Amino acid sequence: MLIGELSRRTGVSARSLRYYEAQGLLSAGRGVNGYRDYAEEAVVTVTQIRGLLRAGLSTEVIAQVLPCARGEGPAFDWCAELREILGGELAVMDDRIEALRRSRGTLAGLLTKP
């Protein structure tokens, strides 16, 4: 399918699809006219990418975990190191949340002062 159809079916812009391809997350063949030609499974792949982005993962991390993703959820085949990768990302997220809580507390304290 052409990029426009993939975009329509997934609700993802053609620009984003080209970005995913540049990041190695999505692949396309080329037709004789040079246009990108996506396989039917690209719809599921794009849905998986979007779900992983919503989970706060970077495209670099998604490239590592995408081979283990199954279905549109995505669900995972818990292949080697996947739990470690996702656990590490969760720890980083927890650290960022804690830093934001501290910053928020500091800012709230400043607002209570005359």
C-alpha atoms as a PDB file:
ATOM      1  CA  MET A   1       0.000   0.000   0.000  1.00  0.00           C
ATOM      2  CA  LEU A   2       1.139   3.535  -0.613  1.00  0.00           C
ATOM      3  CA  ILE A   3       2.045   5.939   2.189  1.00  0.00           C
ATOM      4  CA  GLY A   4      -1.234   7.853   1.830  1.00  0.00           C
ATOM      5  CA  GLU A   5      -3.287   4.720   2.421  1.00  0.00           C
ATOM      6  CA  LEU A   6      -1.162   3.703   5.406  1.00  0.00           C
ATOM      7  CA  SER A   7      -1.602   7.201   6.775  1.00  0.00           C
ATOM      8  CA  ARG A   8      -5.386   7.015   6.325  1.00  0.00           C
ATOM      9  CA  ARG A   9      -5.656   3.562   7.886  1.00  0.00           C
ATOM     10  CA  THR A  10      -3.549   4.402  10.920  1.00  0.00           C
ATOM     11  CA  GLY A  11      -4.338   8.079  11.442  1.00  0.00           C
ATOM     12  CA  VAL A  12      -0.607   8.832  11.399  1.00  0.00           C
ATOM     13  CA  SER A  13       0.757  11.546   9.121  1.00  0.00           C
ATOM     14  CA  ALA A  14       2.893  10.623   6.137  1.00  0.00           C
ATOM     15  CA  ARG A  15       5.647  12.743   7.674  1.00  0.00           C
ATOM     16  CA  SER A  16       5.599  10.610  10.833  1.00  0.00           C
ATOM     17  CA  LEU A  17       5.622   7.424   8.773  1.00  0.00           C
ATOM     18  CA  ARG A  18       8.718   8.618   6.912  1.00  0.00           C
ATOM     19  CA  TYR A  19      10.313   9.463  10.279  1.00  0.00           C
ATOM     20  CA  TYR A  20       9.562   5.966  11.615  1.00  0.00           C
ATOM     21  CA  GLU A  21      11.168   4.544   8.510  1.00  0.00           C
ATOM     22  CA  ALA A  22      14.247   6.760   8.946  1.00  0.00           C
ATOM     23  CA  GLN A  23      14.514   5.548  12.549  1.00  0.00           C
ATOM     24  CA  GLY A  24      14.448   1.904  11.390  1.00  0.00           C
ATOM     25  CA  LEU A  25      11.060   1.202  12.973  1.00  0.00           C
ATOM     26  CA  LEU A  26       9.130   0.695   9.755  1.00  0.00           C
ATOM     27  CA  SER A  27      10.208  -0.606   6.389  1.00  0.00           C
ATOM     28  CA  ALA A  28       8.851  -0.198   2.898  1.00  0.00           C
ATOM     29  CA  GLY A  29       9.725  -1.563  -0.454  1.00  0.00           C
ATOM     30  CA  ARG A  30       9.830   0.631  -3.511  1.00  0.00           C
ATOM     31  CA  GLY A  31       7.566   0.299  -6.521  1.00  0.00           C
ATOM     32  CA  VAL A  32       8.853   0.658 -10.055  1.00  0.00           C
ATOM     33  CA  ASN A  33       7.782   4.302  -9.834  1.00  0.00           C
ATOM     34  CA  GLY A  34       9.974   4.800  -6.736  1.00  0.00           C
ATOM     35  CA  TYR A  35       7.004   5.206  -4.375  1.00  0.00           C
ATOM     36  CA  ARG A  36       7.091   3.552  -0.967  1.00  0.00           C
ATOM     37  CA  ASP A  37       5.150   0.288  -0.920  1.00  0.00           C
ATOM     38  CA  TYR A  38       4.158  -0.900   2.554  1.00  0.00           C
ATOM     39  CA  ALA A  39       3.100  -4.434   3.356  1.00  0.00           C
ATOM     40  CA  GLU A  40      -0.243  -5.080   5.046  1.00  0.00           C
ATOM     41  CA  GLU A  41       1.453  -5.764   8.401  1.00  0.00           C
ATOM     42  CA  ALA A  42       2.704  -2.162   8.438  1.00  0.00           C
ATOM     43  CA  VAL A  43      -0.707  -1.165   9.851  1.00  0.00           C
ATOM     44  CA  VAL A  44      -0.084  -3.267  12.966  1.00  0.00           C
ATOM     45  CA  THR A  45       3.532  -2.089  13.205  1.00  0.00           C
ATOM     46  CA  VAL A  46       2.469   1.569  13.150  1.00  0.00           C
ATOM     47  CA  THR A  47      -0.189   0.848  15.796  1.00  0.00           C
ATOM     48  CA  GLN A  48       2.482  -0.793  17.964  1.00  0.00           C
ATOM     49  CA  ILE A  49       4.846   2.152  17.495  1.00  0.00           C
ATOM     50  CA  ARG A  50       2.120   4.612  18.499  1.00  0.00           C
ATOM     51  CA  GLY A  51       1.281   2.581  21.604  1.00  0.00           C
ATOM     52  CA  LEU A  52       4.915   2.456  22.660  1.00  0.00           C
ATOM     53  CA  LEU A  53       5.312   6.188  22.065  1.00  0.00           C
ATOM     54  CA  ARG A  54       2.243   6.796  24.270  1.00  0.00           C
ATOM     55  CA  ALA A  55       3.980   4.746  26.962  1.00  0.00           C
ATOM     56  CA  GLY A  56       6.746   7.347  26.895  1.00  0.00           C
ATOM     57  CA  LEU A  57       9.394   5.292  25.133  1.00  0.00           C
ATOM     58  CA  SER A  58      11.879   6.925  22.774  1.00  0.00           C
ATOM     59  CA  THR A  59      12.253   5.697  19.219  1.00  0.00           C
ATOM     60  CA  GLU A  60      15.653   4.272  20.201  1.00  0.00           C
ATOM     61  CA  VAL A  61      14.056   2.101  22.883  1.00  0.00           C
ATOM     62  CA  ILE A  62      11.152   1.226  20.600  1.00  0.00           C
ATOM     63  CA  ALA A  63      13.650  -0.085  18.051  1.00  0.00           C
ATOM     64  CA  GLN A  64      14.914  -2.470  20.735  1.00  0.00           C
ATOM     65  CA  VAL A  65      11.516  -3.721  21.916  1.00  0.00           C
ATOM     66  CA  LEU A  66       9.508  -3.659  18.671  1.00  0.00           C
ATOM     67  CA  PRO A  67      10.741  -7.084  17.517  1.00  0.00           C
ATOM     68  CA  CYS A  68       9.101  -8.547  20.642  1.00  0.00           C
ATOM     69  CA  ALA A  69       5.762  -6.724  20.182  1.00  0.00           C
ATOM     70  CA  ARG A  70       2.751  -8.757  19.109  1.00  0.00           C
ATOM     71  CA  GLY A  71      -0.696  -7.513  18.191  1.00  0.00           C
ATOM     72  CA  GLU A  72      -2.039  -4.011  18.238  1.00  0.00           C
ATOM     73  CA  GLY A  73      -1.924  -3.581  22.052  1.00  0.00           C
ATOM     74  CA  PRO A  74       0.962  -4.169  21.815  1.00  0.00           C
ATOM     75  CA  ALA A  75       1.456  -7.300  23.846  1.00  0.00           C
ATOM     76  CA  PHE A  76       4.908  -8.819  24.087  1.00  0.00           C
ATOM     77  CA  ASP A  77       6.715 -12.064  23.604  1.00  0.00           C
ATOM     78  CA  TRP A  78       8.981 -11.646  26.609  1.00  0.00           C
ATOM     79  CA  CYS A  79      12.149 -12.177  24.620  1.00  0.00           C
ATOM     80  CA  ALA A  80      15.617 -11.823  26.090  1.00  0.00           C
ATOM     81  CA  GLU A  81      16.322  -8.571  27.940  1.00  0.00           C
ATOM     82  CA  LEU A  82      12.895  -7.037  27.207  1.00  0.00           C
ATOM     83  CA  ARG A  83      11.827  -6.932  30.857  1.00  0.00           C
ATOM     84  CA  GLU A  84      15.197  -5.385  31.766  1.00  0.00           C
ATOM     85  CA  ILE A  85      14.887  -2.701  29.072  1.00  0.00           C
ATOM     86  CA  LEU A  86      11.339  -1.748  30.043  1.00  0.00           C
ATOM     87  CA  GLY A  87      12.190  -1.891  33.755  1.00  0.00           C
ATOM     88  CA  GLY A  88      15.083   0.480  33.156  1.00  0.00           C
ATOM     89  CA  GLU A  89      12.826   2.885  31.276  1.00  0.00           C
ATOM     90  CA  LEU A  90      10.308   2.762  34.130  1.00  0.00           C
ATOM     91  CA  ALA A  91      13.046   3.569  36.653  1.00  0.00           C
ATOM     92  CA  VAL A  92      14.165   6.561  34.570  1.00  0.00           C
ATOM     93  CA  MET A  93      10.552   7.748  34.369  1.00  0.00           C
ATOM     94  CA  ASP A  94      10.143   7.373  38.147  1.00  0.00           C
ATOM     95  CA  ASP A  95      13.292   9.465  38.682  1.00  0.00           C
ATOM     96  CA  ARG A  96      11.951  12.197  36.406  1.00  0.00           C
ATOM     97  CA  ILE A  97       8.605  12.189  38.231  1.00  0.00           C
ATOM     98  CA  GLU A  98      10.371  12.524  41.590  1.00  0.00           C
ATOM     99  CA  ALA A  99      12.505  15.401  40.284  1.00  0.00           C
ATOM    100  CA  LEU A 100       9.352  17.144  39.060  1.00  0.00           C
ATOM    101  CA  ARG A 101       7.703  16.640  42.464  1.00  0.00           C
ATOM    102  CA  ARG A 102      10.681  18.274  44.164  1.00  0.00           C
ATOM    103  CA  SER A 103      10.656  21.157  41.692  1.00  0.00           C
ATOM    104  CA  ARG A 104       6.924  21.569  42.147  1.00  0.00           C
ATOM    105  CA  GLY A 105       7.325  21.665  45.913  1.00  0.00           C
ATOM    106  CA  THR A 106       9.995  24.307  45.634  1.00  0.00           C
ATOM    107  CA  LEU A 107       7.883  26.419  43.306  1.00  0.00           C
ATOM    108  CA  ALA A 108       4.785  26.021  45.481  1.00  0.00           C
ATOM    109  CA  GLY A 109       6.869  27.138  48.476  1.00  0.00           C
ATOM    110  CA  LEU A 110       7.917  30.273  46.632  1.00  0.00           C
ATOM    111  CA  LEU A 111       4.298  31.119  45.903  1.00  0.00           C
ATOM    112  CA  THR A 112       3.352  30.933  49.583  1.00  0.00           C
ATOM    113  CA  LYS A 113       5.871  33.585  50.540  1.00  0.00           C
ATOM    114  CA  PRO A 114       4.852  37.258  50.496  1.00  0.00           C
END
